[in-house]
C-alpha atoms as a PDB file:
ATOM      1  CA  MET A   1      -0.048  -0.100   0.061  1.00  0.00           C
ATOM      2  CA  LEU A   2       1.222   3.370  -0.727  1.00  0.00           C
ATOM      3  CA  PRO A   3       2.269   5.707   2.095  1.00  0.00           C
ATOM      4  CA  GLY A   4      -0.695   8.096   2.831  1.00  0.00           C
ATOM      5  CA  VAL A   5      -3.149   6.546   1.155  1.00  0.00           C
ATOM      6  CA  ASN A   6      -5.489   4.113   3.130  1.00  0.00           C
ATOM      7  CA  GLU A   7      -7.617   1.335   1.703  1.00  0.00           C
ATOM      8  CA  THR A   8     -10.775   3.327   1.614  1.00  0.00           C
ATOM      9  CA  ASP A   9      -9.079   6.192  -0.601  1.00  0.00           C
ATOM     10  CA  ARG A  10      -8.426   3.790  -3.287  1.00  0.00           C
ATOM     11  CA  PRO A  11     -10.967   3.571  -6.269  1.00  0.00           C
ATOM     12  CA  ARG A  12     -12.806   0.616  -6.427  1.00  0.00           C
ATOM     13  CA  ASP A  13     -13.606  -1.643  -9.306  1.00  0.00           C
ATOM     14  CA  THR A  14     -17.450  -1.779  -9.300  1.00  0.00           C
ATOM     15  CA  SER A  15     -17.831  -4.743 -11.714  1.00  0.00           C
ATOM     16  CA  GLU A  16     -16.559  -7.008  -8.823  1.00  0.00           C
ATOM     17  CA  PRO A  17     -19.253  -8.598  -6.760  1.00  0.00           C
ATOM     18  CA  ASP A  18     -19.575  -7.109  -3.077  1.00  0.00           C
ATOM     19  CA  VAL A  19     -18.179  -9.076  -0.339  1.00  0.00           C
ATOM     20  CA  PHE A  20     -20.607 -10.188   2.499  1.00  0.00           C
ATOM     21  CA  VAL A  21     -19.397 -10.433   6.049  1.00  0.00           C
ATOM     22  CA  SER A  22     -20.879 -11.024   9.628  1.00  0.00           C
ATOM     23  CA  ILE A  23     -21.741  -8.069  11.881  1.00  0.00           C
ATOM     24  CA  ASP A  24     -18.593  -8.917  13.767  1.00  0.00           C
ATOM     25  CA  GLU A  25     -16.393  -8.539  10.646  1.00  0.00           C
ATOM     26  CA  ALA A  26     -18.226  -5.438   9.812  1.00  0.00           C
ATOM     27  CA  CYS A  27     -17.536  -3.974  13.161  1.00  0.00           C
ATOM     28  CA  ARG A  28     -13.765  -4.832  13.215  1.00  0.00           C
ATOM     29  CA  ARG A  29     -13.186  -3.429   9.573  1.00  0.00           C
ATOM     30  CA  PHE A  30     -14.957  -0.077  10.332  1.00  0.00           C
ATOM     31  CA  GLY A  31     -14.204   0.363  13.829  1.00  0.00           C
ATOM     32  CA  LEU A  32     -17.723   0.200  15.446  1.00  0.00           C
ATOM     33  CA  SER A  33     -19.080  -1.487  18.449  1.00  0.00           C
ATOM     34  CA  ARG A  34     -21.632  -4.010  17.925  1.00  0.00           C
ATOM     35  CA  ARG A  35     -23.856  -1.631  20.233  1.00  0.00           C
ATOM     36  CA  THR A  36     -23.247   1.169  17.818  1.00  0.00           C
ATOM     37  CA  PHE A  37     -24.003  -1.197  14.842  1.00  0.00           C
ATOM     38  CA  TYR A  38     -27.303  -2.158  16.215  1.00  0.00           C
ATOM     39  CA  ARG A  39     -28.121   1.376  17.193  1.00  0.00           C
ATOM     40  CA  MET A  40     -27.627   2.459  13.648  1.00  0.00           C
ATOM     41  CA  LEU A  41     -29.735  -0.648  12.598  1.00  0.00           C
ATOM     42  CA  SER A  42     -32.569   0.163  14.733  1.00  0.00           C
ATOM     43  CA  ASP A  43     -32.818   3.744  13.642  1.00  0.00           C
ATOM     44  CA  PRO A  44     -35.839   3.942  11.029  1.00  0.00           C
ATOM     45  CA  SER A  45     -34.846   6.818   9.453  1.00  0.00           C
ATOM     46  CA  GLY A  46     -31.060   5.894   8.988  1.00  0.00           C
ATOM     47  CA  GLY A  47     -31.578   3.405   5.989  1.00  0.00           C
ATOM     48  CA  LEU A  48     -29.225   0.717   7.306  1.00  0.00           C
ATOM     49  CA  THR A  49     -31.931  -1.778   7.063  1.00  0.00           C
ATOM     50  CA  ALA A  50     -32.020  -1.360   3.117  1.00  0.00           C
ATOM     51  CA  VAL A  51     -28.478  -2.130   3.298  1.00  0.00           C
ATOM     52  CA  VAL A  52     -27.855  -5.132   5.110  1.00  0.00           C
ATOM     53  CA  ILE A  53     -29.216  -8.628   4.336  1.00  0.00           C
ATOM     54  CA  ARG A  54     -30.965 -10.829   6.342  1.00  0.00           C
ATOM     55  CA  VAL A  55     -29.979 -14.523   5.584  1.00  0.00           C
ATOM     56  CA  PRO A  56     -32.123 -16.837   5.466  1.00  0.00           C
ATOM     57  CA  ARG A  57     -35.027 -14.429   5.665  1.00  0.00           C
ATOM     58  CA  GLY A  58     -36.721 -14.482   9.280  1.00  0.00           C
ATOM     59  CA  THR A  59     -33.885 -15.889  11.146  1.00  0.00           C
ATOM     60  CA  GLY A  60     -32.387 -12.684  12.275  1.00  0.00           C
ATOM     61  CA  HIS A  61     -28.937 -13.576  10.596  1.00  0.00           C
ATOM     62  CA  ILE A  62     -27.439 -10.613   9.173  1.00  0.00           C
ATOM     63  CA  ARG A  63     -24.739 -10.242   6.431  1.00  0.00           C
ATOM     64  CA  VAL A  64     -23.123  -6.970   5.632  1.00  0.00           C
ATOM     65  CA  PRO A  65     -22.289  -6.160   2.006  1.00  0.00           C
ATOM     66  CA  VAL A  66     -18.801  -4.174   2.438  1.00  0.00           C
ATOM     67  CA  ARG A  67     -18.818  -1.825  -0.240  1.00  0.00           C
ATOM     68  CA  ARG A  68     -22.609  -0.675   0.207  1.00  0.00           C
ATOM     69  CA  PHE A  69     -21.914  -0.265   3.853  1.00  0.00           C
ATOM     70  CA  GLU A  70     -18.834   1.645   3.386  1.00  0.00           C
ATOM     71  CA  ALA A  71     -20.800   3.830   1.039  1.00  0.00           C
ATOM     72  CA  TRP A  72     -23.656   4.293   3.391  1.00  0.00           C
ATOM     73  CA  LEU A  73     -21.285   5.208   6.285  1.00  0.00           C
ATOM     74  CA  ARG A  74     -19.869   7.927   4.173  1.00  0.00           C
ATOM     75  CA  ALA A  75     -23.353   9.378   2.892  1.00  0.00           C
ATOM     76  CA  ARG A  76     -24.814   9.448   6.328  1.00  0.00           C
ATOM     77  CA  PRO A  77     -24.825  12.986   8.129  1.00  0.00           C
ATOM     78  CA  ARG A  78     -22.234  13.159  11.000  1.00  0.00           C
ATOM     79  CA  ARG A  79     -23.361  13.508  14.360  1.00  0.00           C
ATOM     80  CA  ARG A  80     -21.495  15.781  16.915  1.00  0.00           C
ATOM     81  CA  PRO A  81     -20.111  14.064  19.922  1.00  0.00           C
ATOM     82  CA  ARG A  82     -22.088  14.682  23.121  1.00  0.00           C
ATOM     83  CA  GLY A  83     -21.991  17.964  24.836  1.00  0.00           C
ATOM     84  CA  THR A  84     -20.720  19.719  21.645  1.00  0.00           C
ATOM     85  CA  SER A  85     -23.759  21.765  20.702  1.00  0.00           C
ATOM     86  CA  PRO A  86     -22.784  25.280  18.987  1.00  0.00           C
ATOM     87  CA  GLU A  87     -23.239  27.049  22.205  1.00  0.00           C
ATOM     88  CA  THR A  88     -20.585  25.096  23.791  1.00  0.00           C
ATOM     89  CA  LEU A  89     -18.171  25.251  21.069  1.00  0.00           C
ATOM     90  CA  GLY A  90     -15.363  27.879  21.417  1.00  0.00           C
ATOM     91  CA  GLU A  91     -14.238  30.048  18.532  1.00  0.00           C
ATOM     92  CA  SER A  92     -12.026  27.400  17.414  1.00  0.00           C
ATOM     93  CA  GLY A  93     -14.777  25.084  16.758  1.00  0.00           C
ATOM     94  CA  ARG A  94     -13.664  22.616  19.264  1.00  0.00           C
ATOM     95  CA  THR A  95     -15.048  22.054  22.608  1.00  0.00           C
ATOM     96  CA  GLY A  96     -13.650  24.251  25.538  1.00  0.00           C
ATOM     97  CA  GLY A  97     -15.636  27.295  24.960  1.00  0.00           C
ATOM     98  CA  VAL A  98     -16.455  29.256  28.131  1.00  0.00           C
ATOM     99  CA  LEU A  99     -19.561  27.639  29.923  1.00  0.00           C
ATOM    100  CA  GLU A 100     -21.429  29.048  32.923  1.00  0.00           C
ATOM    101  CA  HIS A 101     -21.345  26.599  35.811  1.00  0.00           C
ATOM    102  CA  PRO A 102     -24.617  25.940  37.307  1.00  0.00           C
ATOM    103  CA  THR A 103     -23.271  26.549  40.695  1.00  0.00           C
ATOM    104  CA  GLY A 104     -21.916  30.194  39.915  1.00  0.00           C
ATOM    105  CA  PRO A 105     -22.725  33.277  41.830  1.00  0.00           C
ATOM    106  CA  ASP A 106     -26.061  33.448  40.451  1.00  0.00           C
ATOM    107  CA  HIS A 107     -27.100  29.881  40.805  1.00  0.00           C
ATOM    108  CA  LYS A 108     -29.926  29.262  43.007  1.00  0.00           C
ATOM    109  CA  ALA A 109     -30.070  25.998  44.661  1.00  0.00           C
ATOM    110  CA  PRO A 110     -33.315  23.967  44.396  1.00  0.00           C
ATOM    111  CA  VAL A 111     -35.176  24.013  47.940  1.00  0.00           C
END
């Protein structure tokens, strides 16, 4: 492999058939936890159910087509990490902006 070029940057030959892998293998290849995979699969608006294949139907066994899953991952909108709303971001766009602490001088404790 060339330095500075990873496997996902290379153009793929679309005439080759897609490779189907298990959920464990897909998670290893793409650096996901099984929990994250199943969370993405359970999101009805995410579209992952249209990408994966259940084999045989009705058993719950899932196979993931590597190229289609990779394309789906690239096309989906990115979510911000928790706690990084625009109000909490500093000028640099990174976390670490100035936040008011709830126990500051004007904080009133609940009674």
